[in-house]
Amino acid sequence: MGLLSLSLPLPLIQAGQPLLVLLAAPGVSGVIAKIEARLQGRRGPRVLQPYYDLRKLFAKEALAPRSASVVFLAAPVVALVCYLTVPLLIPVLTTFPLPLGYMGDILGGGFLLSLAGFAAAVAAAETGDPYAQLGASRAKTFGAITEPVVLFVVFVVAMVTGTDLPYALAATVRASVSQIVRPAHLLAAAALFLVVLYETGRIPVESHGSTNELGMIEEARSFEHSGPYLALVRWGAHMKQLILFVILLNVFVAPWGLSADQRLGDVVWAAVTLLAKAVALGVVVAVVDTTFAKLRLFKITEFVSAAFLLAVLGVFTLYLGGG
């Protein structure tokens, strides 16, 4: 009991947020893959399979195309750094902003995620491989619609709380349960959920582990990566998924279970609660992914446009006074 009541320094809790995302992200992906396989009547991989895959890739030799420059090798590292920075800005473990919590807002976190995607696209273009370039081109084409969705979601946050800091919106949601059922808040959360489905490759056209050249997007961009660099790409994909889950859960939908002080027991409980909520959301995503048929490639724009319209409706609902 005495150890659990120990007060942790704020910088240590700050470092624990990206560390938790780094270490837990492959496990969350493993749980989702297992649940999805069970829903499809398969035995499925082990829950810890992503960790075994990463260990195997780190032990392999790294190769690069002849036409690639240092940018190709630096891109996975840049993307991973971006994914490690975003957890510093969002409420992962605590209800109160940590020392670097004011370093950026939701918009800044969105820019970091976009920078990671841009780095992957540039690396794919460096390879000269047609499939890799095709995946990067598709990702940027559809990203031109998803990124405005995030901007409009930020506008909703700013109009509700007077600021675009994620901690402020989470505090507003915790202050009153009625906040969750506000039309503008529901529209913004629904738009963000559709973006999460798209960004994790769940509904639209590709499977998150697909190698079908007619529909793949995320898998195509890493075609020429190998060894430790491919491990960083895969690890970054796991982290991106968990970060999007954290933003949806701890900012918009269910910002409860976070630690209100610096005690070790509360911080550990916040980590356990976050992982439980992420797995629960993963179950919902797996059910949606298994239930709905994949869309044709040209239908992705309609899917993403639906998210954009929901976000715009959220802004207008608040602006017209009905939110």
Protein backbone atom coordinates (compact mmCIF):
# COMPACT_ATOMS: atom_id res chain seq x y z
CA MET A 1 0.00 0.00 0.00
CA GLY A 2 2.88 2.35 0.80
CA LEU A 3 4.43 1.85 -2.63
CA LEU A 4 1.15 2.54 -4.44
CA SER A 5 0.75 5.83 -2.56
CA LEU A 6 4.19 6.98 -3.70
CA SER A 7 4.03 10.33 -5.50
CA LEU A 8 5.69 10.19 -8.92
CA PRO A 9 7.58 13.17 -10.39
CA LEU A 10 5.73 14.86 -13.24
CA PRO A 11 8.57 14.31 -15.74
CA LEU A 12 8.43 10.57 -14.99
CA ILE A 13 4.69 10.46 -15.68
CA GLN A 14 5.31 12.50 -18.81
CA ALA A 15 7.83 9.96 -20.05
CA GLY A 16 5.45 7.14 -19.12
CA GLN A 17 2.82 8.29 -21.63
CA PRO A 18 4.80 7.68 -24.85
CA LEU A 19 6.43 4.64 -23.24
CA LEU A 20 3.02 3.10 -22.57
CA VAL A 21 1.93 3.70 -26.17
CA LEU A 22 5.22 2.32 -27.47
CA LEU A 23 5.07 -0.89 -25.46
CA ALA A 24 1.33 -1.58 -25.43
CA ALA A 25 0.44 -0.75 -29.04
CA PRO A 26 1.50 -4.11 -30.58
CA GLY A 27 -0.38 -5.96 -27.83
CA VAL A 28 -3.60 -4.05 -28.52
CA SER A 29 -3.24 -4.92 -32.21
CA GLY A 30 -2.71 -8.57 -31.26
CA VAL A 31 -5.88 -8.64 -29.17
CA ILE A 32 -7.91 -7.07 -32.00
CA ALA A 33 -6.50 -9.55 -34.54
CA LYS A 34 -7.39 -12.45 -32.23
CA ILE A 35 -10.95 -11.20 -31.71
CA GLU A 36 -11.41 -10.56 -35.40
CA ALA A 37 -10.25 -14.08 -36.23
CA ARG A 38 -12.69 -15.56 -33.72
CA LEU A 39 -15.54 -13.55 -35.25
CA GLN A 40 -14.61 -15.04 -38.62
CA GLY A 41 -14.54 -18.59 -37.25
CA ARG A 42 -10.75 -18.89 -37.31
CA ARG A 43 -8.32 -19.71 -34.54
CA GLY A 44 -6.24 -16.68 -35.35
CA PRO A 45 -2.72 -15.66 -34.33
CA ARG A 46 -1.44 -15.44 -30.79
CA VAL A 47 -2.14 -12.22 -28.93
CA LEU A 48 1.61 -11.63 -28.60
CA GLN A 49 2.27 -12.38 -32.27
CA PRO A 50 3.04 -8.71 -33.16
CA TYR A 51 5.87 -8.73 -30.62
CA TYR A 52 7.31 -11.94 -32.11
CA ASP A 53 7.09 -10.42 -35.60
CA LEU A 54 8.92 -7.29 -34.50
CA ARG A 55 11.66 -9.31 -32.81
CA LYS A 56 12.10 -11.39 -35.97
CA LEU A 57 12.31 -8.31 -38.20
CA PHE A 58 14.85 -6.59 -35.95
CA ALA A 59 17.09 -9.65 -36.29
CA LYS A 60 17.01 -9.59 -40.10
CA GLU A 61 19.25 -7.75 -42.55
CA ALA A 62 18.15 -4.33 -43.82
CA LEU A 63 18.19 -3.77 -47.59
CA ALA A 64 17.40 -0.67 -49.62
CA PRO A 65 16.73 -0.05 -53.34
CA ARG A 66 19.64 1.29 -55.37
CA SER A 67 17.74 4.43 -56.26
CA ALA A 68 16.85 5.27 -52.66
CA SER A 69 18.63 7.98 -50.73
CA VAL A 70 19.11 8.50 -47.01
CA VAL A 71 15.53 9.81 -46.91
CA PHE A 72 14.28 6.26 -47.46
CA LEU A 73 16.14 5.02 -44.38
CA ALA A 74 15.29 8.05 -42.25
CA ALA A 75 11.54 7.99 -42.93
CA PRO A 76 10.65 5.12 -40.52
CA VAL A 77 12.64 6.81 -37.76
CA VAL A 78 10.98 10.19 -38.42
CA ALA A 79 7.53 8.59 -38.37
CA LEU A 80 8.27 6.77 -35.10
CA VAL A 81 9.49 10.01 -33.49
CA CYS A 82 6.24 11.70 -34.55
CA TYR A 83 4.21 8.90 -33.01
CA LEU A 84 6.24 9.18 -29.79
CA THR A 85 5.64 12.95 -29.63
CA VAL A 86 1.85 12.91 -29.96
CA PRO A 87 1.28 11.12 -26.58
CA LEU A 88 3.02 14.04 -24.89
CA LEU A 89 0.18 16.33 -26.00
CA ILE A 90 -2.91 14.24 -25.21
CA PRO A 91 -4.40 12.85 -21.97
CA VAL A 92 -3.04 9.32 -21.88
CA LEU A 93 -2.67 8.84 -18.12
CA THR A 94 -3.69 12.03 -16.29
CA THR A 95 -6.58 14.47 -16.17
CA PHE A 96 -4.19 17.40 -15.73
CA PRO A 97 -1.71 18.62 -18.37
CA LEU A 98 1.85 17.46 -17.79
CA PRO A 99 4.87 19.78 -18.28
CA LEU A 100 4.85 19.30 -22.06
CA GLY A 101 1.08 19.07 -22.34
CA TYR A 102 0.82 22.69 -23.50
CA MET A 103 3.52 22.23 -26.13
CA GLY A 104 0.82 21.65 -28.74
CA ASP A 105 -2.91 21.21 -29.22
CA ILE A 106 -5.09 18.76 -31.14
CA LEU A 107 -4.19 20.54 -34.36
CA GLY A 108 -0.50 20.12 -33.57
CA GLY A 109 -1.03 16.42 -32.90
CA GLY A 110 -2.82 16.12 -36.24
CA PHE A 111 0.10 17.81 -37.98
CA LEU A 112 2.51 15.34 -36.40
CA LEU A 113 0.42 12.39 -37.60
CA SER A 114 0.31 13.95 -41.07
CA LEU A 115 4.08 14.42 -40.98
CA ALA A 116 4.52 10.72 -40.23
CA GLY A 117 2.30 9.86 -43.21
CA PHE A 118 4.21 12.30 -45.40
CA ALA A 119 7.51 10.69 -44.43
CA ALA A 120 6.14 7.27 -45.41
CA ALA A 121 4.91 8.66 -48.73
CA VAL A 122 8.27 10.24 -49.54
CA ALA A 123 10.06 6.99 -48.69
CA ALA A 124 7.72 5.10 -51.02
CA ALA A 125 8.42 7.58 -53.81
CA GLU A 126 12.17 7.14 -53.26
CA THR A 127 11.99 3.43 -54.01
CA GLY A 128 10.81 3.69 -57.61
CA ASP A 129 8.59 0.67 -56.96
CA PRO A 130 5.22 1.11 -58.72
CA TYR A 131 3.23 -0.61 -55.97
CA ALA A 132 4.83 1.46 -53.22
CA GLN A 133 4.22 4.66 -55.16
CA LEU A 134 0.65 3.59 -55.86
CA GLY A 135 -0.04 3.06 -52.16
CA ALA A 136 1.52 6.42 -51.27
CA SER A 137 -0.48 8.19 -53.97
CA ARG A 138 -3.72 6.64 -52.76
CA ALA A 139 -2.97 7.49 -49.13
CA LYS A 140 -2.30 11.16 -49.94
CA THR A 141 -5.35 11.38 -52.22
CA PHE A 142 -7.74 10.17 -49.55
CA GLY A 143 -5.81 12.01 -46.86
CA ALA A 144 -6.74 15.27 -48.61
CA ILE A 145 -10.28 14.60 -47.34
CA THR A 146 -9.54 13.11 -43.91
CA GLU A 147 -7.26 15.95 -42.83
CA PRO A 148 -10.01 18.61 -43.22
CA VAL A 149 -12.19 16.32 -41.08
CA VAL A 150 -9.66 16.63 -38.26
CA LEU A 151 -9.62 20.41 -38.74
CA PHE A 152 -13.39 20.68 -38.40
CA VAL A 153 -13.30 18.42 -35.34
CA VAL A 154 -10.78 20.86 -33.87
CA PHE A 155 -13.17 23.72 -34.65
CA VAL A 156 -15.91 21.94 -32.70
CA VAL A 157 -13.51 21.51 -29.77
CA ALA A 158 -12.53 25.18 -29.90
CA MET A 159 -16.16 26.34 -29.98
CA VAL A 160 -17.16 24.09 -27.08
CA THR A 161 -14.28 24.80 -24.73
CA GLY A 162 -12.82 28.09 -25.95
CA THR A 163 -9.53 26.33 -26.62
CA ASP A 164 -8.30 23.49 -28.78
CA LEU A 165 -6.32 21.79 -26.03
CA PRO A 166 -7.35 18.12 -25.70
CA TYR A 167 -7.16 18.28 -21.89
CA ALA A 168 -9.77 21.07 -21.88
CA LEU A 169 -12.30 19.10 -23.91
CA ALA A 170 -11.76 15.99 -21.80
CA ALA A 171 -12.39 18.06 -18.67
CA THR A 172 -15.58 19.48 -20.23
CA VAL A 173 -16.88 15.99 -21.02
CA ARG A 174 -16.08 14.75 -17.49
CA ALA A 175 -17.81 17.75 -15.93
CA SER A 176 -21.23 16.78 -17.27
CA VAL A 177 -22.59 13.60 -18.79
CA SER A 178 -25.00 15.75 -20.81
CA GLN A 179 -22.00 16.99 -22.77
CA ILE A 180 -21.65 13.58 -24.42
CA VAL A 181 -25.15 13.68 -25.90
CA ARG A 182 -24.84 17.21 -27.27
CA PRO A 183 -25.54 17.02 -31.02
CA ALA A 184 -22.33 18.81 -32.00
CA HIS A 185 -20.23 16.57 -29.78
CA LEU A 186 -21.87 13.41 -31.13
CA LEU A 187 -21.34 14.54 -34.73
CA ALA A 188 -17.68 15.35 -34.11
CA ALA A 189 -17.09 12.03 -32.30
CA ALA A 190 -18.81 10.10 -35.11
CA ALA A 191 -16.68 11.88 -37.72
CA LEU A 192 -13.52 11.07 -35.79
CA PHE A 193 -14.59 7.43 -35.46
CA LEU A 194 -14.96 7.17 -39.24
CA VAL A 195 -11.49 8.65 -39.62
CA VAL A 196 -10.13 6.04 -37.20
CA LEU A 197 -11.72 3.29 -39.29
CA TYR A 198 -10.15 4.68 -42.43
CA GLU A 199 -6.71 5.38 -40.96
CA THR A 200 -6.45 1.85 -39.55
CA GLY A 201 -7.57 0.25 -42.84
CA ARG A 202 -10.62 -1.40 -41.36
CA ILE A 203 -13.69 -0.66 -43.47
CA PRO A 204 -12.94 0.99 -46.79
CA VAL A 205 -11.21 -1.31 -49.25
CA GLU A 206 -8.09 -2.88 -47.87
CA SER A 207 -7.62 -5.29 -45.01
CA HIS A 208 -5.01 -4.13 -42.51
CA GLY A 209 -2.89 -7.14 -43.48
CA SER A 210 -3.84 -7.25 -47.15
CA THR A 211 -1.42 -7.76 -50.04
CA ASN A 212 -4.03 -7.38 -52.79
CA GLU A 213 -2.46 -4.93 -55.22
CA LEU A 214 -5.90 -3.77 -56.41
CA GLY A 215 -6.84 -2.33 -53.05
CA MET A 216 -3.88 -2.07 -50.72
CA ILE A 217 -2.82 1.31 -49.38
CA GLU A 218 -0.89 1.09 -46.12
CA GLU A 219 0.74 -2.25 -46.90
CA ALA A 220 1.96 -1.01 -50.29
CA ARG A 221 3.94 1.89 -48.86
CA SER A 222 6.27 -0.41 -46.93
CA PHE A 223 6.92 -2.84 -49.79
CA GLU A 224 10.62 -2.02 -50.14
CA HIS A 225 11.41 -1.78 -46.44
CA SER A 226 13.05 -4.74 -44.75
CA GLY A 227 14.67 -5.81 -41.51
CA PRO A 228 14.74 -3.24 -38.66
CA TYR A 229 13.32 -0.51 -40.91
CA LEU A 230 10.26 -2.61 -41.69
CA ALA A 231 9.99 -3.35 -37.96
CA LEU A 232 9.88 0.41 -37.27
CA VAL A 233 7.19 0.86 -39.94
CA ARG A 234 5.06 -1.92 -38.44
CA TRP A 235 5.62 -0.65 -34.91
CA GLY A 236 4.63 2.85 -36.02
CA ALA A 237 1.41 1.49 -37.52
CA HIS A 238 0.54 -0.15 -34.19
CA MET A 239 1.28 3.09 -32.34
CA LYS A 240 -0.77 5.17 -34.77
CA GLN A 241 -3.78 2.94 -34.15
CA LEU A 242 -3.48 3.20 -30.35
CA ILE A 243 -2.95 6.99 -30.52
CA LEU A 244 -6.14 7.41 -32.54
CA PHE A 245 -7.95 5.20 -30.02
CA VAL A 246 -6.64 7.35 -27.15
CA ILE A 247 -7.77 10.58 -28.82
CA LEU A 248 -11.25 9.18 -29.46
CA LEU A 249 -11.60 7.63 -26.00
CA ASN A 250 -9.81 9.97 -23.61
CA VAL A 251 -10.82 13.21 -25.32
CA PHE A 252 -14.24 12.67 -26.90
CA VAL A 253 -16.09 9.57 -25.74
CA ALA A 254 -14.95 8.23 -22.37
CA PRO A 255 -12.34 10.41 -20.62
CA TRP A 256 -12.76 8.57 -17.33
CA GLY A 257 -10.31 6.41 -15.42
CA LEU A 258 -7.48 8.91 -15.77
CA SER A 259 -5.32 9.74 -12.77
CA ALA A 260 -6.19 12.97 -10.98
CA ASP A 261 -2.94 13.04 -8.98
CA GLN A 262 0.65 11.79 -9.09
CA ARG A 263 0.28 8.66 -6.94
CA LEU A 264 1.75 5.50 -8.42
CA GLY A 265 -1.38 3.44 -7.79
CA ASP A 266 -3.61 5.93 -9.63
CA VAL A 267 -1.22 6.17 -12.57
CA VAL A 268 -1.01 2.39 -12.89
CA TRP A 269 -4.80 2.13 -12.69
CA ALA A 270 -5.07 4.78 -15.42
CA ALA A 271 -2.79 2.70 -17.66
CA VAL A 272 -4.86 -0.45 -17.03
CA THR A 273 -8.11 1.43 -17.67
CA LEU A 274 -6.78 2.89 -20.92
CA LEU A 275 -5.77 -0.53 -22.23
CA ALA A 276 -9.17 -1.96 -21.26
CA LYS A 277 -10.97 0.86 -23.08
CA ALA A 278 -8.69 0.45 -26.12
CA VAL A 279 -9.46 -3.28 -26.27
CA ALA A 280 -13.20 -2.56 -25.93
CA LEU A 281 -13.00 -0.08 -28.80
CA GLY A 282 -10.96 -2.64 -30.73
CA VAL A 283 -13.80 -5.14 -30.30
CA VAL A 284 -16.22 -2.60 -31.79
CA VAL A 285 -13.85 -1.95 -34.69
CA ALA A 286 -13.40 -5.69 -35.28
CA VAL A 287 -17.17 -6.24 -35.31
CA VAL A 288 -17.65 -3.38 -37.77
CA ASP A 289 -14.79 -4.62 -39.94
CA THR A 290 -16.14 -8.16 -39.97
CA THR A 291 -19.79 -7.21 -40.47
CA PHE A 292 -19.48 -4.77 -43.34
CA ALA A 293 -18.25 -5.70 -46.81
CA LYS A 294 -15.20 -3.92 -48.17
CA LEU A 295 -15.86 -0.97 -50.45
CA ARG A 296 -14.56 -0.57 -53.95
CA LEU A 297 -11.62 1.75 -54.30
CA PHE A 298 -13.57 4.63 -55.86
CA LYS A 299 -16.11 4.40 -53.02
CA ILE A 300 -13.54 5.39 -50.39
CA THR A 301 -14.06 9.06 -51.26
CA GLU A 302 -17.75 8.68 -50.40
CA PHE A 303 -16.91 7.02 -47.07
CA VAL A 304 -14.43 9.72 -46.10
CA SER A 305 -16.74 12.46 -47.40
CA ALA A 306 -19.40 11.19 -44.98
CA ALA A 307 -16.97 11.83 -42.12
CA PHE A 308 -16.28 15.30 -43.52
CA LEU A 309 -20.01 16.13 -43.68
CA LEU A 310 -20.53 14.96 -40.09
CA ALA A 311 -17.71 17.23 -38.92
CA VAL A 312 -19.10 20.19 -40.88
CA LEU A 313 -22.55 19.56 -39.43
CA GLY A 314 -21.01 19.59 -35.97
CA VAL A 315 -19.54 23.04 -36.59
CA PHE A 316 -22.79 24.43 -38.02
CA THR A 317 -24.81 22.93 -35.17
CA LEU A 318 -22.75 24.86 -32.65
CA TYR A 319 -22.60 28.00 -34.80
CA LEU A 320 -26.38 28.10 -35.18
CA GLY A 321 -26.88 27.64 -31.46
CA GLY A 322 -28.34 24.15 -31.46
CA GLY A 323 -25.30 22.32 -30.12
